[in-house]
Structures are given as structure tokens and as C-alpha cells.
Amino acid sequence: MMELMSKIPEMSDIVITVFAARRRRQIEQGDSSLKLIGADVDKR
């Protein structure tokens, strides 16, 4: 797939734009399987 994306920039643009938008949505909504408990009190 990475080879295809390097050869077909129009397809690469669509795929990366969607991937980036998904990541941004996750960050903005705190949406992930990674859970951090106690950052308000624990330094680590």
C-alpha cells in the first residue's frame, strides 16, 4: 500500500487526509483505548 501511495499521489492525498482527520477527532474527543488514571495527582 505504501508503494501504491507513492506512485498514485491522488489516492495518497485522500487516504492521508482521512487518517489525519480520524486522529484529530480522537485527540479532540479524548477517544482511545489508552486510559490514563490519576494524571491530576501522579507525576508519572
Full PDB file with SEQRES, HELIX, SHEET, SSBOND, CRYST1, ORIGX, SCALE, CONECT and MASTER records, all heavy atoms in Angstrom:
SEQRES   1 A   44  MET MET GLU LEU MET SER LYS ILE PRO GLU MET SER ASP          
SEQRES   2 A   44  ILE VAL ILE THR VAL PHE ALA ALA ARG ARG ARG ARG GLN          
SEQRES   3 A   44  ILE GLU GLN GLY ASP SER SER LEU LYS LEU ILE GLY ALA          
SEQRES   4 A   44  ASP VAL ASP LYS ARG                                          
HELIX    1 AA1 MET A    2  LYS A    7  1                                   6    
HELIX    2 AA2 PRO A    9  GLN A   29  1                                  21    
CRYST1    1.000    1.000    1.000  90.00  90.00  90.00 P 1           1          
ORIGX1      1.000000  0.000000  0.000000        0.00000                         
ORIGX2      0.000000  1.000000  0.000000        0.00000                         
ORIGX3      0.000000  0.000000  1.000000        0.00000                         
SCALE1      1.000000  0.000000  0.000000        0.00000                         
SCALE2      0.000000  1.000000  0.000000        0.00000                         
SCALE3      0.000000  0.000000  1.000000        0.00000                         
ATOM      1  N   MET A   1       0.829  -1.203   0.000  1.00  0.00           N  
ATOM      2  CA  MET A   1       0.000   0.000   0.000  1.00  0.00           C  
ATOM      3  C   MET A   1       0.867   1.259   0.000  1.00  0.00           C  
ATOM      4  O   MET A   1       0.547   2.232  -0.689  1.00  0.00           O  
ATOM      5  CB  MET A   1      -0.919  -0.005   1.223  1.00  0.00           C  
ATOM      6  CG  MET A   1      -1.927   1.144   1.238  1.00  0.00           C  
ATOM      7  SD  MET A   1      -3.058   1.050  -0.181  1.00  0.00           S  
ATOM      8  CE  MET A   1      -3.888   2.643  -0.048  1.00  0.00           C  
ATOM      9  N   MET A   2       1.956   1.241   0.743  1.00  0.00           N  
ATOM     10  CA  MET A   2       2.848   2.402   0.755  1.00  0.00           C  
ATOM     11  C   MET A   2       3.459   2.628  -0.622  1.00  0.00           C  
ATOM     12  O   MET A   2       3.647   3.768  -1.065  1.00  0.00           O  
ATOM     13  CB  MET A   2       3.941   2.208   1.802  1.00  0.00           C  
ATOM     14  CG  MET A   2       3.436   2.160   3.246  1.00  0.00           C  
ATOM     15  SD  MET A   2       2.600   3.675   3.769  1.00  0.00           S  
ATOM     16  CE  MET A   2       3.964   4.831   3.757  1.00  0.00           C  
ATOM     17  N   GLU A   3       3.742   1.540  -1.336  1.00  0.00           N  
ATOM     18  CA  GLU A   3       4.268   1.664  -2.696  1.00  0.00           C  
ATOM     19  C   GLU A   3       3.225   2.302  -3.611  1.00  0.00           C  
ATOM     20  O   GLU A   3       3.545   3.187  -4.424  1.00  0.00           O  
ATOM     21  CB  GLU A   3       4.667   0.296  -3.235  1.00  0.00           C  
ATOM     22  CG  GLU A   3       5.875  -0.319  -2.535  1.00  0.00           C  
ATOM     23  CD  GLU A   3       6.122  -1.755  -2.979  1.00  0.00           C  
ATOM     24  OE1 GLU A   3       5.305  -2.281  -3.768  1.00  0.00           O  
ATOM     25  OE2 GLU A   3       7.133  -2.343  -2.541  1.00  0.00           O  
ATOM     26  N   LEU A   4       1.972   1.852  -3.473  1.00  0.00           N  
ATOM     27  CA  LEU A   4       0.894   2.427  -4.289  1.00  0.00           C  
ATOM     28  C   LEU A   4       0.724   3.915  -4.002  1.00  0.00           C  
ATOM     29  O   LEU A   4       0.537   4.722  -4.915  1.00  0.00           O  
ATOM     30  CB  LEU A   4      -0.428   1.694  -4.018  1.00  0.00           C  
ATOM     31  CG  LEU A   4      -0.589   0.280  -4.579  1.00  0.00           C  
ATOM     32  CD1 LEU A   4      -1.970  -0.252  -4.228  1.00  0.00           C  
ATOM     33  CD2 LEU A   4      -0.396   0.278  -6.093  1.00  0.00           C  
ATOM     34  N   MET A   5       0.774   4.275  -2.717  1.00  0.00           N  
ATOM     35  CA  MET A   5       0.578   5.675  -2.345  1.00  0.00           C  
ATOM     36  C   MET A   5       1.692   6.555  -2.900  1.00  0.00           C  
ATOM     37  O   MET A   5       1.468   7.716  -3.249  1.00  0.00           O  
ATOM     38  CB  MET A   5       0.473   5.800  -0.825  1.00  0.00           C  
ATOM     39  CG  MET A   5      -0.816   5.214  -0.259  1.00  0.00           C  
ATOM     40  SD  MET A   5      -0.841   5.111   1.547  1.00  0.00           S  
ATOM     41  CE  MET A   5      -0.753   6.847   2.001  1.00  0.00           C  
ATOM     42  N   SER A   6       2.901   6.021  -2.984  1.00  0.00           N  
ATOM     43  CA  SER A   6       3.998   6.813  -3.539  1.00  0.00           C  
ATOM     44  C   SER A   6       3.849   6.991  -5.045  1.00  0.00           C  
ATOM     45  O   SER A   6       4.317   7.984  -5.610  1.00  0.00           O  
ATOM     46  CB  SER A   6       5.342   6.147  -3.225  1.00  0.00           C  
ATOM     47  OG  SER A   6       5.484   4.921  -3.932  1.00  0.00           O  
ATOM     48  N   LYS A   7       3.179   6.036  -5.702  1.00  0.00           N  
ATOM     49  CA  LYS A   7       3.014   6.102  -7.149  1.00  0.00           C  
ATOM     50  C   LYS A   7       1.733   6.824  -7.563  1.00  0.00           C  
ATOM     51  O   LYS A   7       1.634   7.312  -8.694  1.00  0.00           O  
ATOM     52  CB  LYS A   7       2.997   4.691  -7.741  1.00  0.00           C  
ATOM     53  CG  LYS A   7       4.311   3.931  -7.553  1.00  0.00           C  
ATOM     54  CD  LYS A   7       4.180   2.504  -8.050  1.00  0.00           C  
ATOM     55  CE  LYS A   7       5.476   1.719  -7.853  1.00  0.00           C  
ATOM     56  NZ  LYS A   7       5.336   0.301  -8.269  1.00  0.00           N  
ATOM     57  N   ILE A   8       0.735   6.865  -6.672  1.00  0.00           N  
ATOM     58  CA  ILE A   8      -0.567   7.473  -7.005  1.00  0.00           C  
ATOM     59  C   ILE A   8      -0.847   8.570  -5.985  1.00  0.00           C  
ATOM     60  O   ILE A   8      -1.536   8.353  -4.979  1.00  0.00           O  
ATOM     61  CB  ILE A   8      -1.699   6.422  -6.987  1.00  0.00           C  
ATOM     62  CG1 ILE A   8      -1.305   5.180  -7.789  1.00  0.00           C  
ATOM     63  CG2 ILE A   8      -2.989   7.021  -7.530  1.00  0.00           C  
ATOM     64  CD1 ILE A   8      -2.320   4.055  -7.714  1.00  0.00           C  
ATOM     65  N   PRO A   9      -0.315   9.776  -6.192  1.00  0.00           N  
ATOM     66  CA  PRO A   9      -0.455  10.833  -5.196  1.00  0.00           C  
ATOM     67  C   PRO A   9      -1.902  11.234  -4.916  1.00  0.00           C  
ATOM     68  O   PRO A   9      -2.234  11.617  -3.802  1.00  0.00           O  
ATOM     69  CB  PRO A   9       0.346  11.996  -5.792  1.00  0.00           C  
ATOM     70  CG  PRO A   9       0.477  11.682  -7.250  1.00  0.00           C  
ATOM     71  CD  PRO A   9       0.502  10.198  -7.349  1.00  0.00           C  
ATOM     72  N   GLU A  10      -2.783  11.126  -5.928  1.00  0.00           N  
ATOM     73  CA  GLU A  10      -4.186  11.496  -5.700  1.00  0.00           C  
ATOM     74  C   GLU A  10      -4.831  10.561  -4.681  1.00  0.00           C  
ATOM     75  O   GLU A  10      -5.601  10.993  -3.816  1.00  0.00           O  
ATOM     76  CB  GLU A  10      -4.974  11.461  -7.017  1.00  0.00           C  
ATOM     77  CG  GLU A  10      -4.501  12.464  -8.061  1.00  0.00           C  
ATOM     78  CD  GLU A  10      -3.286  11.986  -8.826  1.00  0.00           C  
ATOM     79  OE1 GLU A  10      -2.878  10.812  -8.655  1.00  0.00           O  
ATOM     80  OE2 GLU A  10      -2.732  12.790  -9.606  1.00  0.00           O  
ATOM     81  N   MET A  11      -4.515   9.279  -4.753  1.00  0.00           N  
ATOM     82  CA  MET A  11      -5.031   8.329  -3.777  1.00  0.00           C  
ATOM     83  C   MET A  11      -4.395   8.575  -2.413  1.00  0.00           C  
ATOM     84  O   MET A  11      -5.062   8.544  -1.376  1.00  0.00           O  
ATOM     85  CB  MET A  11      -4.752   6.894  -4.220  1.00  0.00           C  
ATOM     86  CG  MET A  11      -5.259   5.842  -3.226  1.00  0.00           C  
ATOM     87  SD  MET A  11      -5.113   4.137  -3.823  1.00  0.00           S  
ATOM     88  CE  MET A  11      -3.336   3.928  -3.804  1.00  0.00           C  
ATOM     89  N   SER A  12      -3.103   8.856  -2.418  1.00  0.00           N  
ATOM     90  CA  SER A  12      -2.393   9.127  -1.175  1.00  0.00           C  
ATOM     91  C   SER A  12      -3.013  10.314  -0.446  1.00  0.00           C  
ATOM     92  O   SER A  12      -3.183  10.291   0.780  1.00  0.00           O  
ATOM     93  CB  SER A  12      -0.919   9.401  -1.465  1.00  0.00           C  
ATOM     94  OG  SER A  12      -0.233   9.750  -0.298  1.00  0.00           O  
ATOM     95  N   ASP A  13      -3.372  11.367  -1.206  1.00  0.00           N  
ATOM     96  CA  ASP A  13      -3.963  12.555  -0.596  1.00  0.00           C  
ATOM     97  C   ASP A  13      -5.249  12.217   0.149  1.00  0.00           C  
ATOM     98  O   ASP A  13      -5.480  12.687   1.272  1.00  0.00           O  
ATOM     99  CB  ASP A  13      -4.253  13.614  -1.663  1.00  0.00           C  
ATOM    100  CG  ASP A  13      -2.985  14.220  -2.244  1.00  0.00           C  
ATOM    101  OD1 ASP A  13      -1.915  14.028  -1.637  1.00  0.00           O  
ATOM    102  OD2 ASP A  13      -3.074  14.878  -3.297  1.00  0.00           O  
ATOM    103  N   ILE A  14      -6.092  11.404  -0.469  1.00  0.00           N  
ATOM    104  CA  ILE A  14      -7.372  11.043   0.155  1.00  0.00           C  
ATOM    105  C   ILE A  14      -7.138  10.216   1.417  1.00  0.00           C  
ATOM    106  O   ILE A  14      -7.706  10.479   2.482  1.00  0.00           O  
ATOM    107  CB  ILE A  14      -8.261  10.277  -0.842  1.00  0.00           C  
ATOM    108  CG1 ILE A  14      -8.644  11.182  -2.015  1.00  0.00           C  
ATOM    109  CG2 ILE A  14      -9.511   9.736  -0.140  1.00  0.00           C  
ATOM    110  CD1 ILE A  14      -9.364  10.457  -3.130  1.00  0.00           C  
ATOM    111  N   VAL A  15      -6.288   9.211   1.304  1.00  0.00           N  
ATOM    112  CA  VAL A  15      -6.046   8.311   2.431  1.00  0.00           C  
ATOM    113  C   VAL A  15      -5.457   9.065   3.615  1.00  0.00           C  
ATOM    114  O   VAL A  15      -5.933   8.935   4.755  1.00  0.00           O  
ATOM    115  CB  VAL A  15      -5.106   7.159   2.006  1.00  0.00           C  
ATOM    116  CG1 VAL A  15      -4.673   6.339   3.228  1.00  0.00           C  
ATOM    117  CG2 VAL A  15      -5.802   6.257   0.991  1.00  0.00           C  
ATOM    118  N   ILE A  16      -4.443   9.875   3.373  1.00  0.00           N  
ATOM    119  CA  ILE A  16      -3.785  10.576   4.472  1.00  0.00           C  
ATOM    120  C   ILE A  16      -4.705  11.616   5.085  1.00  0.00           C  
ATOM    121  O   ILE A  16      -4.708  11.819   6.312  1.00  0.00           O  
ATOM    122  CB  ILE A  16      -2.466  11.209   3.984  1.00  0.00           C  
ATOM    123  CG1 ILE A  16      -1.441  10.099   3.728  1.00  0.00           C  
ATOM    124  CG2 ILE A  16      -1.919  12.202   5.001  1.00  0.00           C  
ATOM    125  CD1 ILE A  16      -0.122  10.580   3.192  1.00  0.00           C  
ATOM    126  N   THR A  17      -5.504  12.287   4.277  1.00  0.00           N  
ATOM    127  CA  THR A  17      -6.441  13.276   4.819  1.00  0.00           C  
ATOM    128  C   THR A  17      -7.439  12.613   5.755  1.00  0.00           C  
ATOM    129  O   THR A  17      -7.746  13.129   6.832  1.00  0.00           O  
ATOM    130  CB  THR A  17      -7.185  14.000   3.682  1.00  0.00           C  
ATOM    131  OG1 THR A  17      -6.238  14.661   2.848  1.00  0.00           O  
ATOM    132  CG2 THR A  17      -8.152  15.027   4.238  1.00  0.00           C  
ATOM    133  N   VAL A  18      -7.941  11.455   5.378  1.00  0.00           N  
ATOM    134  CA  VAL A  18      -8.889  10.735   6.228  1.00  0.00           C  
ATOM    135  C   VAL A  18      -8.201  10.252   7.504  1.00  0.00           C  
ATOM    136  O   VAL A  18      -8.723  10.407   8.612  1.00  0.00           O  
ATOM    137  CB  VAL A  18      -9.514   9.553   5.470  1.00  0.00           C  
ATOM    138  CG1 VAL A  18     -10.358   8.691   6.416  1.00  0.00           C  
ATOM    139  CG2 VAL A  18     -10.379  10.059   4.324  1.00  0.00           C  
ATOM    140  N   PHE A  19      -7.023   9.680   7.356  1.00  0.00           N  
ATOM    141  CA  PHE A  19      -6.288   9.201   8.532  1.00  0.00           C  
ATOM    142  C   PHE A  19      -6.023  10.348   9.510  1.00  0.00           C  
ATOM    143  O   PHE A  19      -6.184  10.202  10.724  1.00  0.00           O  
ATOM    144  CB  PHE A  19      -4.957   8.583   8.112  1.00  0.00           C  
ATOM    145  CG  PHE A  19      -5.064   7.194   7.535  1.00  0.00           C  
ATOM    146  CD1 PHE A  19      -3.939   6.561   7.023  1.00  0.00           C  
ATOM    147  CD2 PHE A  19      -6.268   6.508   7.504  1.00  0.00           C  
ATOM    148  CE1 PHE A  19      -4.013   5.279   6.505  1.00  0.00           C  
ATOM    149  CE2 PHE A  19      -6.357   5.228   6.973  1.00  0.00           C  
ATOM    150  CZ  PHE A  19      -5.219   4.616   6.473  1.00  0.00           C  
ATOM    151  N   ALA A  20      -5.579  11.490   8.972  1.00  0.00           N  
ATOM    152  CA  ALA A  20      -5.274  12.632   9.836  1.00  0.00           C  
ATOM    153  C   ALA A  20      -6.532  13.154  10.521  1.00  0.00           C  
ATOM    154  O   ALA A  20      -6.505  13.526  11.700  1.00  0.00           O  
ATOM    155  CB  ALA A  20      -4.618  13.741   9.018  1.00  0.00           C  
ATOM    156  N   ALA A  21      -7.654  13.194   9.795  1.00  0.00           N  
ATOM    157  CA  ALA A  21      -8.907  13.666  10.385  1.00  0.00           C  
ATOM    158  C   ALA A  21      -9.374  12.727  11.498  1.00  0.00           C  
ATOM    159  O   ALA A  21      -9.875  13.170  12.533  1.00  0.00           O  
ATOM    160  CB  ALA A  21      -9.982  13.786   9.310  1.00  0.00           C  
ATOM    161  N   ARG A  22      -9.180  11.430  11.289  1.00  0.00           N  
ATOM    162  CA  ARG A  22      -9.559  10.480  12.333  1.00  0.00           C  
ATOM    163  C   ARG A  22      -8.720  10.681  13.590  1.00  0.00           C  
ATOM    164  O   ARG A  22      -9.234  10.650  14.711  1.00  0.00           O  
ATOM    165  CB  ARG A  22      -9.407   9.050  11.810  1.00  0.00           C  
ATOM    166  CG  ARG A  22     -10.464   8.657  10.792  1.00  0.00           C  
ATOM    167  CD  ARG A  22     -10.187   7.299  10.187  1.00  0.00           C  
ATOM    168  NE  ARG A  22     -11.216   6.941   9.217  1.00  0.00           N  
ATOM    169  CZ  ARG A  22     -11.144   5.915   8.380  1.00  0.00           C  
ATOM    170  NH1 ARG A  22     -10.068   5.125   8.393  1.00  0.00           N  
ATOM    171  NH2 ARG A  22     -12.126   5.666   7.536  1.00  0.00           N  
ATOM    172  N   ARG A  23      -7.411  10.882  13.402  1.00  0.00           N  
ATOM    173  CA  ARG A  23      -6.550  11.099  14.559  1.00  0.00           C  
ATOM    174  C   ARG A  23      -6.935  12.392  15.283  1.00  0.00           C  
ATOM    175  O   ARG A  23      -6.973  12.439  16.511  1.00  0.00           O  
ATOM    176  CB  ARG A  23      -5.085  11.130  14.124  1.00  0.00           C  
ATOM    177  CG  ARG A  23      -4.082  11.474  15.225  1.00  0.00           C  
ATOM    178  CD  ARG A  23      -4.199  10.565  16.452  1.00  0.00           C  
ATOM    179  NE  ARG A  23      -4.064   9.177  16.168  1.00  0.00           N  
ATOM    180  CZ  ARG A  23      -2.911   8.502  16.162  1.00  0.00           C  
ATOM    181  NH1 ARG A  23      -1.779   9.137  16.411  1.00  0.00           N  
ATOM    182  NH2 ARG A  23      -2.913   7.204  15.923  1.00  0.00           N  
ATOM    183  N   ARG A  24      -7.216  13.441  14.529  1.00  0.00           N  
ATOM    184  CA  ARG A  24      -7.603  14.706  15.143  1.00  0.00           C  
ATOM    185  C   ARG A  24      -8.893  14.547  15.946  1.00  0.00           C  
ATOM    186  O   ARG A  24      -9.021  15.067  17.057  1.00  0.00           O  
ATOM    187  CB  ARG A  24      -7.763  15.791  14.075  1.00  0.00           C  
ATOM    188  CG  ARG A  24      -8.286  17.107  14.604  1.00  0.00           C  
ATOM    189  CD  ARG A  24      -7.344  17.740  15.589  1.00  0.00           C  
ATOM    190  NE  ARG A  24      -6.174  18.272  14.919  1.00  0.00           N  
ATOM    191  CZ  ARG A  24      -5.224  18.956  15.544  1.00  0.00           C  
ATOM    192  NH1 ARG A  24      -5.295  19.168  16.830  1.00  0.00           N  
ATOM    193  NH2 ARG A  24      -4.173  19.394  14.882  1.00  0.00           N  
ATOM    194  N   ARG A  25      -9.859  13.819  15.381  1.00  0.00           N  
ATOM    195  CA  ARG A  25     -11.107  13.613  16.122  1.00  0.00           C  
ATOM    196  C   ARG A  25     -10.843  12.884  17.431  1.00  0.00           C  
ATOM    197  O   ARG A  25     -11.398  13.227  18.477  1.00  0.00           O  
ATOM    198  CB  ARG A  25     -12.093  12.800  15.274  1.00  0.00           C  
ATOM    199  CG  ARG A  25     -13.454  12.598  15.933  1.00  0.00           C  
ATOM    200  CD  ARG A  25     -14.225  11.440  15.330  1.00  0.00           C  
ATOM    201  NE  ARG A  25     -13.563  10.160  15.577  1.00  0.00           N  
ATOM    202  CZ  ARG A  25     -13.624   9.515  16.738  1.00  0.00           C  
ATOM    203  NH1 ARG A  25     -14.276  10.014  17.767  1.00  0.00           N  
ATOM    204  NH2 ARG A  25     -12.994   8.356  16.880  1.00  0.00           N  
ATOM    205  N   GLN A  26      -9.995  11.853  17.387  1.00  0.00           N  
ATOM    206  CA  GLN A  26      -9.681  11.103  18.601  1.00  0.00           C  
ATOM    207  C   GLN A  26      -9.043  12.002  19.654  1.00  0.00           C  
ATOM    208  O   GLN A  26      -9.377  11.925  20.838  1.00  0.00           O  
ATOM    209  CB  GLN A  26      -8.730   9.949  18.273  1.00  0.00           C  
ATOM    210  CG  GLN A  26      -9.374   8.774  17.570  1.00  0.00           C  
ATOM    211  CD  GLN A  26      -8.391   7.626  17.439  1.00  0.00           C  
ATOM    212  OE1 GLN A  26      -7.590   7.591  16.512  1.00  0.00           O  
ATOM    213  NE2 GLN A  26      -8.425   6.704  18.382  1.00  0.00           N  
ATOM    214  N   ILE A  27      -8.127  12.852  19.223  1.00  0.00           N  
ATOM    215  CA  ILE A  27      -7.440  13.730  20.168  1.00  0.00           C  
ATOM    216  C   ILE A  27      -8.408  14.733  20.772  1.00  0.00           C  
ATOM    217  O   ILE A  27      -8.431  14.955  21.990  1.00  0.00           O  
ATOM    218  CB  ILE A  27      -6.271  14.449  19.472  1.00  0.00           C  
ATOM    219  CG1 ILE A  27      -5.168  13.451  19.123  1.00  0.00           C  
ATOM    220  CG2 ILE A  27      -5.716  15.565  20.351  1.00  0.00           C  
ATOM    221  CD1 ILE A  27      -4.063  14.018  18.272  1.00  0.00           C  
ATOM    222  N   GLU A  28      -9.225  15.343  19.928  1.00  0.00           N  
ATOM    223  CA  GLU A  28     -10.140  16.372  20.410  1.00  0.00           C  
ATOM    224  C   GLU A  28     -11.198  15.803  21.348  1.00  0.00           C  
ATOM    225  O   GLU A  28     -11.650  16.479  22.267  1.00  0.00           O  
ATOM    226  CB  GLU A  28     -10.806  17.067  19.222  1.00  0.00           C  
ATOM    227  CG  GLU A  28      -9.840  17.931  18.414  1.00  0.00           C  
ATOM    228  CD  GLU A  28     -10.490  18.541  17.193  1.00  0.00           C  
ATOM    229  OE1 GLU A  28     -11.614  18.119  16.832  1.00  0.00           O  
ATOM    230  OE2 GLU A  28      -9.869  19.441  16.582  1.00  0.00           O  
ATOM    231  N   GLN A  29     -11.585  14.540  21.148  1.00  0.00           N  
ATOM    232  CA  GLN A  29     -12.635  13.941  21.968  1.00  0.00           C  
ATOM    233  C   GLN A  29     -12.093  13.000  23.044  1.00  0.00           C  
ATOM    234  O   GLN A  29     -12.872  12.379  23.776  1.00  0.00           O  
ATOM    235  CB  GLN A  29     -13.628  13.202  21.070  1.00  0.00           C  
ATOM    236  CG  GLN A  29     -14.333  14.123  20.076  1.00  0.00           C  
ATOM    237  CD  GLN A  29     -15.333  13.391  19.193  1.00  0.00           C  
ATOM    238  OE1 GLN A  29     -15.668  12.234  19.418  1.00  0.00           O  
ATOM    239  NE2 GLN A  29     -15.813  14.081  18.176  1.00  0.00           N  
ATOM    240  N   GLY A  30     -10.766  12.906  23.170  1.00  0.00           N  
ATOM    241  CA  GLY A  30     -10.193  12.006  24.166  1.00  0.00           C  
ATOM    242  C   GLY A  30     -10.642  10.583  23.955  1.00  0.00           C  
ATOM    243  O   GLY A  30     -10.951   9.854  24.910  1.00  0.00           O  
ATOM    244  N   ASP A  31     -10.660  10.155  22.708  1.00  0.00           N  
ATOM    245  CA  ASP A  31     -11.248   8.873  22.334  1.00  0.00           C  
ATOM    246  C   ASP A  31     -10.144   7.879  21.981  1.00  0.00           C  
ATOM    247  O   ASP A  31      -9.533   7.951  20.922  1.00  0.00           O  
ATOM    248  CB  ASP A  31     -12.173   9.089  21.133  1.00  0.00           C  
ATOM    249  CG  ASP A  31     -12.954   7.842  20.781  1.00  0.00           C  
ATOM    250  OD1 ASP A  31     -12.959   6.901  21.587  1.00  0.00           O  
ATOM    251  OD2 ASP A  31     -13.562   7.823  19.696  1.00  0.00           O  
ATOM    252  N   SER A  32      -9.869   6.954  22.882  1.00  0.00           N  
ATOM    253  CA  SER A  32      -8.798   5.993  22.650  1.00  0.00           C  
ATOM    254  C   SER A  32      -8.932   4.836  23.622  1.00  0.00           C  
ATOM    255  O   SER A  32      -9.598   4.947  24.657  1.00  0.00           O  
ATOM    256  CB  SER A  32      -7.439   6.674  22.845  1.00  0.00           C  
ATOM    257  OG  SER A  32      -6.383   5.737  22.773  1.00  0.00           O  
ATOM    258  N   SER A  33      -8.287   3.736  23.281  1.00  0.00           N  
ATOM    259  CA  SER A  33      -8.232   2.604  24.209  1.00  0.00           C  
ATOM    260  C   SER A  33      -7.161   2.816  25.278  1.00  0.00           C  
ATOM    261  O   SER A  33      -7.022   1.997  26.181  1.00  0.00           O  
ATOM    262  CB  SER A  33      -7.936   1.310  23.436  1.00  0.00           C  
ATOM    263  OG  SER A  33      -8.987   1.006  22.546  1.00  0.00           O  
ATOM    264  N   LEU A  34      -6.406   3.913  25.163  1.00  0.00           N  
ATOM    265  CA  LEU A  34      -5.399   4.251  26.170  1.00  0.00           C  
ATOM    266  C   LEU A  34      -6.053   5.091  27.258  1.00  0.00           C  
ATOM    267  O   LEU A  34      -6.535   6.196  27.001  1.00  0.00           O  
ATOM    268  CB  LEU A  34      -4.252   5.019  25.517  1.00  0.00           C  
ATOM    269  CG  LEU A  34      -3.142   5.511  26.451  1.00  0.00           C  
ATOM    270  CD1 LEU A  34      -2.437   4.335  27.128  1.00  0.00           C  
ATOM    271  CD2 LEU A  34      -2.146   6.376  25.679  1.00  0.00           C  
ATOM    272  N   LYS A  35      -6.063   4.577  28.473  1.00  0.00           N  
ATOM    273  CA  LYS A  35      -6.690   5.262  29.605  1.00  0.00           C  
ATOM    274  C   LYS A  35      -5.616   5.681  30.607  1.00  0.00           C  
ATOM    275  O   LYS A  35      -4.802   4.850  31.033  1.00  0.00           O  
ATOM    276  CB  LYS A  35      -7.703   4.349  30.314  1.00  0.00           C  
ATOM    277  CG  LYS A  35      -8.706   3.669  29.387  1.00  0.00           C  
ATOM    278  CD  LYS A  35      -9.666   4.647  28.751  1.00  0.00           C  
ATOM    279  CE  LYS A  35     -10.712   3.930  27.889  1.00  0.00           C  
ATOM    280  NZ  LYS A  35     -11.612   4.877  27.190  1.00  0.00           N  
ATOM    281  N   LEU A  36      -5.635   6.940  30.996  1.00  0.00           N  
ATOM    282  CA  LEU A  36      -4.705   7.453  31.997  1.00  0.00           C  
ATOM    283  C   LEU A  36      -5.499   7.833  33.243  1.00  0.00           C  
ATOM    284  O   LEU A  36      -6.324   8.742  33.209  1.00  0.00           O  
ATOM    285  CB  LEU A  36      -3.956   8.674  31.461  1.00  0.00           C  
ATOM    286  CG  LEU A  36      -3.232   8.511  30.121  1.00  0.00           C  
ATOM    287  CD1 LEU A  36      -2.432   9.765  29.798  1.00  0.00           C  
ATOM    288  CD2 LEU A  36      -2.331   7.288  30.124  1.00  0.00           C  
ATOM    289  N   ILE A  37      -5.241   7.125  34.329  1.00  0.00           N  
ATOM    290  CA  ILE A  37      -5.953   7.365  35.587  1.00  0.00           C  
ATOM    291  C   ILE A  37      -5.022   8.091  36.561  1.00  0.00           C  
ATOM    292  O   ILE A  37      -3.936   7.606  36.870  1.00  0.00           O  
ATOM    293  CB  ILE A  37      -6.422   6.045  36.222  1.00  0.00           C  
ATOM    294  CG1 ILE A  37      -7.387   5.319  35.277  1.00  0.00           C  
ATOM    295  CG2 ILE A  37      -7.090   6.296  37.562  1.00  0.00           C  
ATOM    296  CD1 ILE A  37      -7.831   3.958  35.800  1.00  0.00           C  
ATOM    297  N   GLY A  38      -5.463   9.261  37.015  1.00  0.00           N  
ATOM    298  CA  GLY A  38      -4.740   9.940  38.080  1.00  0.00           C  
ATOM    299  C   GLY A  38      -3.666  10.898  37.642  1.00  0.00           C  
ATOM    300  O   GLY A  38      -2.778  11.230  38.437  1.00  0.00           O  
ATOM    301  N   ALA A  39      -3.723  11.414  36.402  1.00  0.00           N  
ATOM    302  CA  ALA A  39      -2.726  12.408  35.993  1.00  0.00           C  
ATOM    303  C   ALA A  39      -2.849  13.672  36.836  1.00  0.00           C  
ATOM    304  O   ALA A  39      -1.902  14.451  36.935  1.00  0.00           O  
ATOM    305  CB  ALA A  39      -2.896  12.746  34.515  1.00  0.00           C  
ATOM    306  N   ASP A  40      -4.026  13.848  37.461  1.00  0.00           N  
ATOM    307  CA  ASP A  40      -4.232  15.030  38.291  1.00  0.00           C  
ATOM    308  C   ASP A  40      -3.433  14.976  39.594  1.00  0.00           C  
ATOM    309  O   ASP A  40      -3.215  16.003  40.237  1.00  0.00           O  
ATOM    310  CB  ASP A  40      -5.717  15.200  38.600  1.00  0.00           C  
ATOM    311  CG  ASP A  40      -6.372  13.927  39.118  1.00  0.00           C  
ATOM    312  OD1 ASP A  40      -5.969  12.835  38.690  1.00  0.00           O  
ATOM    313  OD2 ASP A  40      -7.304  14.027  39.950  1.00  0.00           O  
ATOM    314  N   VAL A  41      -2.963  13.777  39.978  1.00  0.00           N  
ATOM    315  CA  VAL A  41      -2.248  13.656  41.251  1.00  0.00           C  
ATOM    316  C   VAL A  41      -0.903  12.942  41.130  1.00  0.00           C  
ATOM    317  O   VAL A  41      -0.073  13.033  42.042  1.00  0.00           O  
ATOM    318  CB  VAL A  41      -3.108  12.912  42.305  1.00  0.00           C  
ATOM    319  CG1 VAL A  41      -4.376  13.695  42.606  1.00  0.00           C  
ATOM    320  CG2 VAL A  41      -3.439  11.497  41.832  1.00  0.00           C  
ATOM    321  N   ASP A  42      -0.669  12.224  40.049  1.00  0.00           N  
ATOM    322  CA  ASP A  42       0.530  11.392  39.940  1.00  0.00           C  
ATOM    323  C   ASP A  42       1.477  11.938  38.878  1.00  0.00           C  
ATOM    324  O   ASP A  42       1.095  12.124  37.715  1.00  0.00           O  
ATOM    325  CB  ASP A  42       0.138   9.951  39.595  1.00  0.00           C  
ATOM    326  CG  ASP A  42       1.327   9.011  39.645  1.00  0.00           C  
ATOM    327  OD1 ASP A  42       1.613   8.479  40.728  1.00  0.00           O  
ATOM    328  OD2 ASP A  42       1.959   8.815  38.597  1.00  0.00           O  
ATOM    329  N   LYS A  43       2.729  12.163  39.266  1.00  0.00           N  
ATOM    330  CA  LYS A  43       3.727  12.751  38.381  1.00  0.00           C  
ATOM    331  C   LYS A  43       4.038  11.858  37.198  1.00  0.00           C  
ATOM    332  O   LYS A  43       4.210  12.329  36.070  1.00  0.00           O  
ATOM    333  CB  LYS A  43       4.993  13.038  39.197  1.00  0.00           C  
ATOM    334  CG  LYS A  43       6.100  13.731  38.441  1.00  0.00           C  
ATOM    335  CD  LYS A  43       7.264  14.032  39.360  1.00  0.00           C  
ATOM    336  CE  LYS A  43       8.414  14.691  38.620  1.00  0.00           C  
ATOM    337  NZ  LYS A  43       9.537  15.016  39.528  1.00  0.00           N  
ATOM    338  N   ARG A  44       4.118  10.537  37.421  1.00  0.00           N  
ATOM    339  CA  ARG A  44       4.464   9.631  36.324  1.00  0.00           C  
ATOM    340  C   ARG A  44       3.358   9.587  35.272  1.00  0.00           C  
ATOM    341  O   ARG A  44       3.633   9.567  34.067  1.00  0.00           O  
ATOM    342  CB  ARG A  44       4.735   8.232  36.861  1.00  0.00           C  
ATOM    343  CG  ARG A  44       6.013   8.111  37.680  1.00  0.00           C  
ATOM    344  CD  ARG A  44       6.300   6.667  38.008  1.00  0.00           C  
ATOM    345  NE  ARG A  44       5.147   6.019  38.652  1.00  0.00           N  
ATOM    346  CZ  ARG A  44       5.075   4.720  38.906  1.00  0.00           C  
ATOM    347  NH1 ARG A  44       6.067   3.923  38.554  1.00  0.00           N  
ATOM    348  NH2 ARG A  44       4.016   4.208  39.514  1.00  0.00           N  
TER     349      ARG A  44                                                      
MASTER        0    0    0    2    0    0    0    6  348    1    0    4          
END                                                                             
